[in-house]
């Protein structure tokens, strides 16, 4: 076993015990300059751990034309789980003698561009957890897009995953589910502006207290295959 893979089983077992549904690692040296983080911090980390937690499908059941208070509560609870788990994993990595930085699951840093510190879905894609679908979300085998992600940056040497060679194929369920008409045939044509404008409308009308929707998440239940074990 190479030095780069020595720590992978340790971390994988640890996050499984924490209750995560997905685990992967990515070499982020080629993209870290794009992170909205101080340069000294970016230069100290070479790898990222991508963690995912499956949503409870029952919380999606009553979504019909937009977000509901029940879904909003579930969304916040999943984010709390992710942030807590990322903190615990970063602490564990630190105990093993390495640097680690947990990145919040849902925190906007650049409001005009709607960007966080980094793209969790991009890290997940690089780690081999799935592919970016027509809905502009990460799609994982067996889960679809019904999960949320968080990232831990580290200088711990890890075995980086490889991007999944797959796509949405003939599935177009998310296109018909989108009330903003933001989802197109090609994922490159996703209309970010239309999506964000409708999220603002939902929030301004008091439906929920955050820019969320959930309809394309509900529609993307994924292929009927077992999800990869963390």
C-alpha atoms as a PDB file:
ATOM      1  CA  UNK A   1       0.000   0.000   0.000  1.00  0.00           C
ATOM      2  CA  UNK A   2       1.405   3.391  -0.969  1.00  0.00           C
ATOM      3  CA  UNK A   3       1.907   6.202   1.521  1.00  0.00           C
ATOM      4  CA  UNK A   4      -0.910   8.112  -0.196  1.00  0.00           C
ATOM      5  CA  UNK A   5      -3.463   5.412   0.654  1.00  0.00           C
ATOM      6  CA  UNK A   6      -2.455   4.600   4.244  1.00  0.00           C
ATOM      7  CA  UNK A   7      -4.904   7.027   5.787  1.00  0.00           C
ATOM      8  CA  UNK A   8      -7.876   6.364   3.518  1.00  0.00           C
ATOM      9  CA  UNK A   9      -9.222   3.295   5.365  1.00  0.00           C
ATOM     10  CA  UNK A  10      -8.863   5.114   8.688  1.00  0.00           C
ATOM     11  CA  UNK A  11     -10.851   8.133   7.513  1.00  0.00           C
ATOM     12  CA  UNK A  12     -13.385   6.031   5.625  1.00  0.00           C
ATOM     13  CA  UNK A  13     -14.210   3.968   8.699  1.00  0.00           C
ATOM     14  CA  UNK A  14     -14.334   7.076  10.867  1.00  0.00           C
ATOM     15  CA  UNK A  15     -16.864   8.914   8.675  1.00  0.00           C
ATOM     16  CA  UNK A  16     -18.942   5.752   8.279  1.00  0.00           C
ATOM     17  CA  UNK A  17     -19.253   5.594  12.061  1.00  0.00           C
ATOM     18  CA  UNK A  18     -20.311   9.256  12.048  1.00  0.00           C
ATOM     19  CA  UNK A  19     -23.220   8.358   9.778  1.00  0.00           C
ATOM     20  CA  UNK A  20     -22.101   9.763   6.421  1.00  0.00           C
ATOM     21  CA  UNK A  21     -23.423   8.236   3.218  1.00  0.00           C
ATOM     22  CA  UNK A  22     -20.578   9.209   0.863  1.00  0.00           C
ATOM     23  CA  UNK A  23     -16.799   9.550   1.188  1.00  0.00           C
ATOM     24  CA  UNK A  24     -14.171  10.471  -1.378  1.00  0.00           C
ATOM     25  CA  UNK A  25     -10.871  12.316  -1.715  1.00  0.00           C
ATOM     26  CA  UNK A  26      -9.653  14.712  -4.390  1.00  0.00           C
ATOM     27  CA  UNK A  27      -6.308  16.261  -5.299  1.00  0.00           C
ATOM     28  CA  UNK A  28      -7.170  19.950  -5.368  1.00  0.00           C
ATOM     29  CA  UNK A  29      -3.810  21.492  -6.265  1.00  0.00           C
ATOM     30  CA  UNK A  30      -4.961  22.428  -9.773  1.00  0.00           C
ATOM     31  CA  UNK A  31      -8.104  24.250  -8.604  1.00  0.00           C
ATOM     32  CA  UNK A  32      -7.267  25.626  -5.152  1.00  0.00           C
ATOM     33  CA  UNK A  33      -6.419  29.081  -6.524  1.00  0.00           C
ATOM     34  CA  UNK A  34     -10.122  29.474  -7.321  1.00  0.00           C
ATOM     35  CA  UNK A  35     -11.124  29.013  -3.666  1.00  0.00           C
ATOM     36  CA  UNK A  36     -12.347  32.097  -1.817  1.00  0.00           C
ATOM     37  CA  UNK A  37      -9.817  31.526   0.953  1.00  0.00           C
ATOM     38  CA  UNK A  38      -6.612  33.347   1.997  1.00  0.00           C
ATOM     39  CA  UNK A  39      -3.660  32.399  -0.184  1.00  0.00           C
ATOM     40  CA  UNK A  40      -1.508  31.068   2.692  1.00  0.00           C
ATOM     41  CA  UNK A  41      -4.302  28.673   3.659  1.00  0.00           C
ATOM     42  CA  UNK A  42      -4.807  27.519   0.055  1.00  0.00           C
ATOM     43  CA  UNK A  43      -1.115  26.805  -0.361  1.00  0.00           C
ATOM     44  CA  UNK A  44      -0.991  24.612   2.756  1.00  0.00           C
ATOM     45  CA  UNK A  45      -3.579  22.094   1.557  1.00  0.00           C
ATOM     46  CA  UNK A  46      -3.300  19.684  -1.363  1.00  0.00           C
ATOM     47  CA  UNK A  47      -6.234  17.338  -0.810  1.00  0.00           C
ATOM     48  CA  UNK A  48      -9.908  17.572  -0.016  1.00  0.00           C
ATOM     49  CA  UNK A  49     -12.214  15.043   1.608  1.00  0.00           C
ATOM     50  CA  UNK A  50     -15.733  15.143   0.173  1.00  0.00           C
ATOM     51  CA  UNK A  51     -18.493  13.893   2.466  1.00  0.00           C
ATOM     52  CA  UNK A  52     -22.157  13.390   1.662  1.00  0.00           C
ATOM     53  CA  UNK A  53     -25.283  12.726   3.706  1.00  0.00           C
ATOM     54  CA  UNK A  54     -28.397  11.263   2.134  1.00  0.00           C
ATOM     55  CA  UNK A  55     -31.601  13.242   2.592  1.00  0.00           C
ATOM     56  CA  UNK A  56     -34.615  11.637   4.232  1.00  0.00           C
ATOM     57  CA  UNK A  57     -36.946  11.080   1.289  1.00  0.00           C
ATOM     58  CA  UNK A  58     -40.040  11.615   3.437  1.00  0.00           C
ATOM     59  CA  UNK A  59     -39.043  15.251   3.883  1.00  0.00           C
ATOM     60  CA  UNK A  60     -39.246  15.681   0.108  1.00  0.00           C
ATOM     61  CA  UNK A  61     -42.653  14.072  -0.317  1.00  0.00           C
ATOM     62  CA  UNK A  62     -44.783  17.193   0.232  1.00  0.00           C
ATOM     63  CA  UNK A  63     -42.836  19.390  -2.204  1.00  0.00           C
ATOM     64  CA  UNK A  64     -45.177  20.303  -5.058  1.00  0.00           C
ATOM     65  CA  UNK A  65     -44.596  23.873  -6.278  1.00  0.00           C
ATOM     66  CA  UNK A  66     -41.745  25.062  -4.076  1.00  0.00           C
ATOM     67  CA  UNK A  67     -40.102  24.714  -0.662  1.00  0.00           C
ATOM     68  CA  UNK A  68     -42.106  23.980   2.482  1.00  0.00           C
ATOM     69  CA  UNK A  69     -41.381  24.677   6.176  1.00  0.00           C
ATOM     70  CA  UNK A  70     -40.819  20.932   6.678  1.00  0.00           C
ATOM     71  CA  UNK A  71     -38.231  20.767   3.910  1.00  0.00           C
ATOM     72  CA  UNK A  72     -36.571  23.959   5.157  1.00  0.00           C
ATOM     73  CA  UNK A  73     -36.189  22.459   8.630  1.00  0.00           C
ATOM     74  CA  UNK A  74     -34.761  19.246   7.155  1.00  0.00           C
ATOM     75  CA  UNK A  75     -32.347  21.260   5.000  1.00  0.00           C
ATOM     76  CA  UNK A  76     -31.026  23.090   8.055  1.00  0.00           C
ATOM     77  CA  UNK A  77     -30.693  19.906  10.098  1.00  0.00           C
ATOM     78  CA  UNK A  78     -28.707  18.203   7.331  1.00  0.00           C
ATOM     79  CA  UNK A  79     -26.395  21.224   7.119  1.00  0.00           C
ATOM     80  CA  UNK A  80     -25.881  21.036  10.875  1.00  0.00           C
ATOM     81  CA  UNK A  81     -25.017  17.336  10.580  1.00  0.00           C
ATOM     82  CA  UNK A  82     -22.562  18.044   7.759  1.00  0.00           C
ATOM     83  CA  UNK A  83     -20.809  20.898   9.544  1.00  0.00           C
ATOM     84  CA  UNK A  84     -20.578  18.933  12.784  1.00  0.00           C
ATOM     85  CA  UNK A  85     -19.200  15.896  10.968  1.00  0.00           C
ATOM     86  CA  UNK A  86     -16.667  17.960   9.025  1.00  0.00           C
ATOM     87  CA  UNK A  87     -15.499  19.521  12.280  1.00  0.00           C
ATOM     88  CA  UNK A  88     -15.062  16.087  13.883  1.00  0.00           C
ATOM     89  CA  UNK A  89     -13.199  14.729  10.867  1.00  0.00           C
ATOM     90  CA  UNK A  90     -10.899  17.771  10.767  1.00  0.00           C
ATOM     91  CA  UNK A  91     -10.189  17.252  14.472  1.00  0.00           C
ATOM     92  CA  UNK A  92      -9.375  13.588  13.837  1.00  0.00           C
ATOM     93  CA  UNK A  93      -7.005  14.493  10.989  1.00  0.00           C
ATOM     94  CA  UNK A  94      -5.317  17.013  13.281  1.00  0.00           C
ATOM     95  CA  UNK A  95      -4.887  14.329  15.953  1.00  0.00           C
ATOM     96  CA  UNK A  96      -3.080  12.253  13.330  1.00  0.00           C
ATOM     97  CA  UNK A  97      -0.590  15.087  12.861  1.00  0.00           C
ATOM     98  CA  UNK A  98      -1.907  16.914   9.801  1.00  0.00           C
ATOM     99  CA  UNK A  99      -3.550  20.225   9.000  1.00  0.00           C
ATOM    100  CA  UNK A 100      -7.273  20.230   8.269  1.00  0.00           C
ATOM    101  CA  UNK A 101      -9.867  22.926   7.581  1.00  0.00           C
ATOM    102  CA  UNK A 102     -13.620  22.164   7.580  1.00  0.00           C
ATOM    103  CA  UNK A 103     -15.501  24.264   5.023  1.00  0.00           C
ATOM    104  CA  UNK A 104     -19.127  25.180   5.845  1.00  0.00           C
ATOM    105  CA  UNK A 105     -21.738  23.206   3.929  1.00  0.00           C
ATOM    106  CA  UNK A 106     -23.842  26.270   3.127  1.00  0.00           C
ATOM    107  CA  UNK A 107     -22.244  29.679   3.521  1.00  0.00           C
ATOM    108  CA  UNK A 108     -22.292  32.370   0.823  1.00  0.00           C
ATOM    109  CA  UNK A 109     -19.147  34.508   0.619  1.00  0.00           C
ATOM    110  CA  UNK A 110     -19.722  36.248  -2.726  1.00  0.00           C
ATOM    111  CA  UNK A 111     -23.402  37.239  -2.842  1.00  0.00           C
ATOM    112  CA  UNK A 112     -23.475  38.747  -6.373  1.00  0.00           C
ATOM    113  CA  UNK A 113     -22.027  35.522  -7.800  1.00  0.00           C
ATOM    114  CA  UNK A 114     -23.693  33.255  -5.206  1.00  0.00           C
ATOM    115  CA  UNK A 115     -20.415  31.557  -4.338  1.00  0.00           C
ATOM    116  CA  UNK A 116     -19.169  29.881  -1.205  1.00  0.00           C
ATOM    117  CA  UNK A 117     -15.555  29.302  -0.185  1.00  0.00           C
ATOM    118  CA  UNK A 118     -15.431  26.562  -2.820  1.00  0.00           C
ATOM    119  CA  UNK A 119     -17.729  24.338  -4.846  1.00  0.00           C
ATOM    120  CA  UNK A 120     -18.604  21.239  -2.812  1.00  0.00           C
ATOM    121  CA  UNK A 121     -20.123  19.576  -5.870  1.00  0.00           C
ATOM    122  CA  UNK A 122     -16.955  20.188  -7.916  1.00  0.00           C
ATOM    123  CA  UNK A 123     -14.872  18.564  -5.168  1.00  0.00           C
ATOM    124  CA  UNK A 124     -17.325  15.670  -5.030  1.00  0.00           C
ATOM    125  CA  UNK A 125     -17.104  15.240  -8.795  1.00  0.00           C
ATOM    126  CA  UNK A 126     -13.290  15.195  -8.664  1.00  0.00           C
ATOM    127  CA  UNK A 127     -13.422  12.681  -5.805  1.00  0.00           C
ATOM    128  CA  UNK A 128     -15.452  10.290  -7.945  1.00  0.00           C
ATOM    129  CA  UNK A 129     -18.727  10.510  -6.053  1.00  0.00           C
ATOM    130  CA  UNK A 130     -20.802  11.265  -9.156  1.00  0.00           C
ATOM    131  CA  UNK A 131     -21.294  13.610 -12.095  1.00  0.00           C
ATOM    132  CA  UNK A 132     -22.833  17.054 -12.579  1.00  0.00           C
ATOM    133  CA  UNK A 133     -26.326  16.519 -13.947  1.00  0.00           C
ATOM    134  CA  UNK A 134     -28.706  18.603 -16.011  1.00  0.00           C
ATOM    135  CA  UNK A 135     -30.011  20.026 -12.731  1.00  0.00           C
ATOM    136  CA  UNK A 136     -26.585  21.577 -12.025  1.00  0.00           C
ATOM    137  CA  UNK A 137     -26.237  19.304  -8.983  1.00  0.00           C
ATOM    138  CA  UNK A 138     -23.982  16.350  -8.275  1.00  0.00           C
ATOM    139  CA  UNK A 139     -25.692  13.078  -9.162  1.00  0.00           C
ATOM    140  CA  UNK A 140     -24.471   9.932  -7.385  1.00  0.00           C
ATOM    141  CA  UNK A 141     -25.240   6.324  -8.366  1.00  0.00           C
ATOM    142  CA  UNK A 142     -28.111   5.024  -6.249  1.00  0.00           C
ATOM    143  CA  UNK A 143     -28.824   8.413  -4.658  1.00  0.00           C
ATOM    144  CA  UNK A 144     -29.463  10.770  -7.531  1.00  0.00           C
ATOM    145  CA  UNK A 145     -29.175  14.294  -6.122  1.00  0.00           C
ATOM    146  CA  UNK A 146     -30.930  13.478  -2.850  1.00  0.00           C
ATOM    147  CA  UNK A 147     -27.947  14.235  -0.629  1.00  0.00           C
ATOM    148  CA  UNK A 148     -25.910  17.212   0.540  1.00  0.00           C
ATOM    149  CA  UNK A 149     -22.150  17.710   0.666  1.00  0.00           C
ATOM    150  CA  UNK A 150     -19.439  19.190   2.839  1.00  0.00           C
ATOM    151  CA  UNK A 151     -15.663  19.433   2.378  1.00  0.00           C
ATOM    152  CA  UNK A 152     -12.585  19.143   4.586  1.00  0.00           C
ATOM    153  CA  UNK A 153      -9.308  20.515   3.189  1.00  0.00           C
ATOM    154  CA  UNK A 154      -6.098  18.909   4.384  1.00  0.00           C
ATOM    155  CA  UNK A 155      -2.394  18.346   3.799  1.00  0.00           C
ATOM    156  CA  UNK A 156      -2.810  14.664   4.708  1.00  0.00           C
ATOM    157  CA  UNK A 157      -1.684  12.546   1.730  1.00  0.00           C
ATOM    158  CA  UNK A 158      -4.713  10.727   0.359  1.00  0.00           C
ATOM    159  CA  UNK A 159      -5.523   8.550  -2.631  1.00  0.00           C
ATOM    160  CA  UNK A 160      -7.501  10.785  -4.955  1.00  0.00           C
ATOM    161  CA  UNK A 161     -10.588   9.404  -6.637  1.00  0.00           C
ATOM    162  CA  UNK A 162     -11.327   9.604 -10.339  1.00  0.00           C
ATOM    163  CA  UNK A 163     -14.295  11.349 -11.951  1.00  0.00           C
ATOM    164  CA  UNK A 164     -17.192   9.042 -12.776  1.00  0.00           C
ATOM    165  CA  UNK A 165     -17.612   8.446 -16.505  1.00  0.00           C
ATOM    166  CA  UNK A 166     -21.388   8.723 -16.589  1.00  0.00           C
ATOM    167  CA  UNK A 167     -24.157  11.199 -17.255  1.00  0.00           C
ATOM    168  CA  UNK A 168     -27.925  11.502 -16.913  1.00  0.00           C
ATOM    169  CA  UNK A 169     -28.531   9.591 -20.128  1.00  0.00           C
ATOM    170  CA  UNK A 170     -32.184   9.615 -21.142  1.00  0.00           C
ATOM    171  CA  UNK A 171     -33.462  10.793 -17.753  1.00  0.00           C
ATOM    172  CA  UNK A 172     -35.082  14.230 -17.941  1.00  0.00           C
ATOM    173  CA  UNK A 173     -37.272  14.208 -14.839  1.00  0.00           C
ATOM    174  CA  UNK A 174     -35.619  17.323 -13.427  1.00  0.00           C
ATOM    175  CA  UNK A 175     -36.427  19.406 -16.524  1.00  0.00           C
ATOM    176  CA  UNK A 176     -40.172  19.111 -16.026  1.00  0.00           C
ATOM    177  CA  UNK A 177     -39.900  19.636 -12.266  1.00  0.00           C
ATOM    178  CA  UNK A 178     -38.268  23.085 -12.430  1.00  0.00           C
ATOM    179  CA  UNK A 179     -40.761  25.962 -11.961  1.00  0.00           C
ATOM    180  CA  UNK A 180     -38.091  28.458 -13.068  1.00  0.00           C
ATOM    181  CA  UNK A 181     -37.487  26.605 -16.357  1.00  0.00           C
ATOM    182  CA  UNK A 182     -33.792  26.839 -15.513  1.00  0.00           C
ATOM    183  CA  UNK A 183     -32.902  23.242 -16.399  1.00  0.00           C
ATOM    184  CA  UNK A 184     -32.141  22.626 -20.055  1.00  0.00           C
ATOM    185  CA  UNK A 185     -31.213  19.657 -22.214  1.00  0.00           C
ATOM    186  CA  UNK A 186     -27.505  20.351 -21.712  1.00  0.00           C
ATOM    187  CA  UNK A 187     -26.082  20.940 -18.261  1.00  0.00           C
ATOM    188  CA  UNK A 188     -23.911  23.720 -19.664  1.00  0.00           C
ATOM    189  CA  UNK A 189     -27.087  25.676 -20.474  1.00  0.00           C
ATOM    190  CA  UNK A 190     -28.423  25.699 -16.908  1.00  0.00           C
ATOM    191  CA  UNK A 191     -29.921  29.148 -16.237  1.00  0.00           C
ATOM    192  CA  UNK A 192     -28.397  30.211 -12.913  1.00  0.00           C
ATOM    193  CA  UNK A 193     -30.099  33.607 -13.035  1.00  0.00           C
ATOM    194  CA  UNK A 194     -33.609  32.193 -13.521  1.00  0.00           C
ATOM    195  CA  UNK A 195     -33.053  29.726 -10.681  1.00  0.00           C
ATOM    196  CA  UNK A 196     -31.789  32.380  -8.279  1.00  0.00           C
ATOM    197  CA  UNK A 197     -34.602  34.809  -9.131  1.00  0.00           C
ATOM    198  CA  UNK A 198     -37.225  32.214  -8.228  1.00  0.00           C
ATOM    199  CA  UNK A 199     -35.390  31.319  -5.012  1.00  0.00           C
ATOM    200  CA  UNK A 200     -35.484  35.005  -4.062  1.00  0.00           C
ATOM    201  CA  UNK A 201     -39.209  35.070  -4.813  1.00  0.00           C
ATOM    202  CA  UNK A 202     -39.830  32.069  -2.550  1.00  0.00           C
ATOM    203  CA  UNK A 203     -37.877  33.744   0.245  1.00  0.00           C
ATOM    204  CA  UNK A 204     -39.436  37.181  -0.200  1.00  0.00           C
ATOM    205  CA  UNK A 205     -42.913  35.691  -0.022  1.00  0.00           C
ATOM    206  CA  UNK A 206     -42.028  34.150   3.332  1.00  0.00           C
ATOM    207  CA  UNK A 207     -42.278  30.541   2.265  1.00  0.00           C
ATOM    208  CA  UNK A 208     -38.850  29.769   3.773  1.00  0.00           C
ATOM    209  CA  UNK A 209     -36.016  31.782   5.285  1.00  0.00           C
ATOM    210  CA  UNK A 210     -33.305  30.752   2.849  1.00  0.00           C
ATOM    211  CA  UNK A 211     -32.696  30.556  -0.900  1.00  0.00           C
ATOM    212  CA  UNK A 212     -33.809  26.961  -1.468  1.00  0.00           C
ATOM    213  CA  UNK A 213     -36.360  25.094  -3.569  1.00  0.00           C
ATOM    214  CA  UNK A 214     -35.870  21.299  -3.555  1.00  0.00           C
ATOM    215  CA  UNK A 215     -38.058  20.319  -6.523  1.00  0.00           C
ATOM    216  CA  UNK A 216     -35.219  19.145  -8.779  1.00  0.00           C
ATOM    217  CA  UNK A 217     -33.719  17.319  -5.801  1.00  0.00           C
ATOM    218  CA  UNK A 218     -36.996  15.470  -5.293  1.00  0.00           C
ATOM    219  CA  UNK A 219     -37.181  14.617  -9.005  1.00  0.00           C
ATOM    220  CA  UNK A 220     -33.640  13.233  -9.135  1.00  0.00           C
ATOM    221  CA  UNK A 221     -34.022   9.985  -7.213  1.00  0.00           C
ATOM    222  CA  UNK A 222     -31.190   8.362  -9.142  1.00  0.00           C
ATOM    223  CA  UNK A 223     -30.720   5.000 -10.840  1.00  0.00           C
ATOM    224  CA  UNK A 224     -32.029   2.020  -8.903  1.00  0.00           C
ATOM    225  CA  UNK A 225     -28.586   0.798  -7.943  1.00  0.00           C
ATOM    226  CA  UNK A 226     -26.987   0.528  -4.479  1.00  0.00           C
ATOM    227  CA  UNK A 227     -25.237   3.686  -3.362  1.00  0.00           C
ATOM    228  CA  UNK A 228     -21.452   3.403  -2.963  1.00  0.00           C
ATOM    229  CA  UNK A 229     -20.407   2.590   0.580  1.00  0.00           C
ATOM    230  CA  UNK A 230     -18.508   5.409   2.336  1.00  0.00           C
END
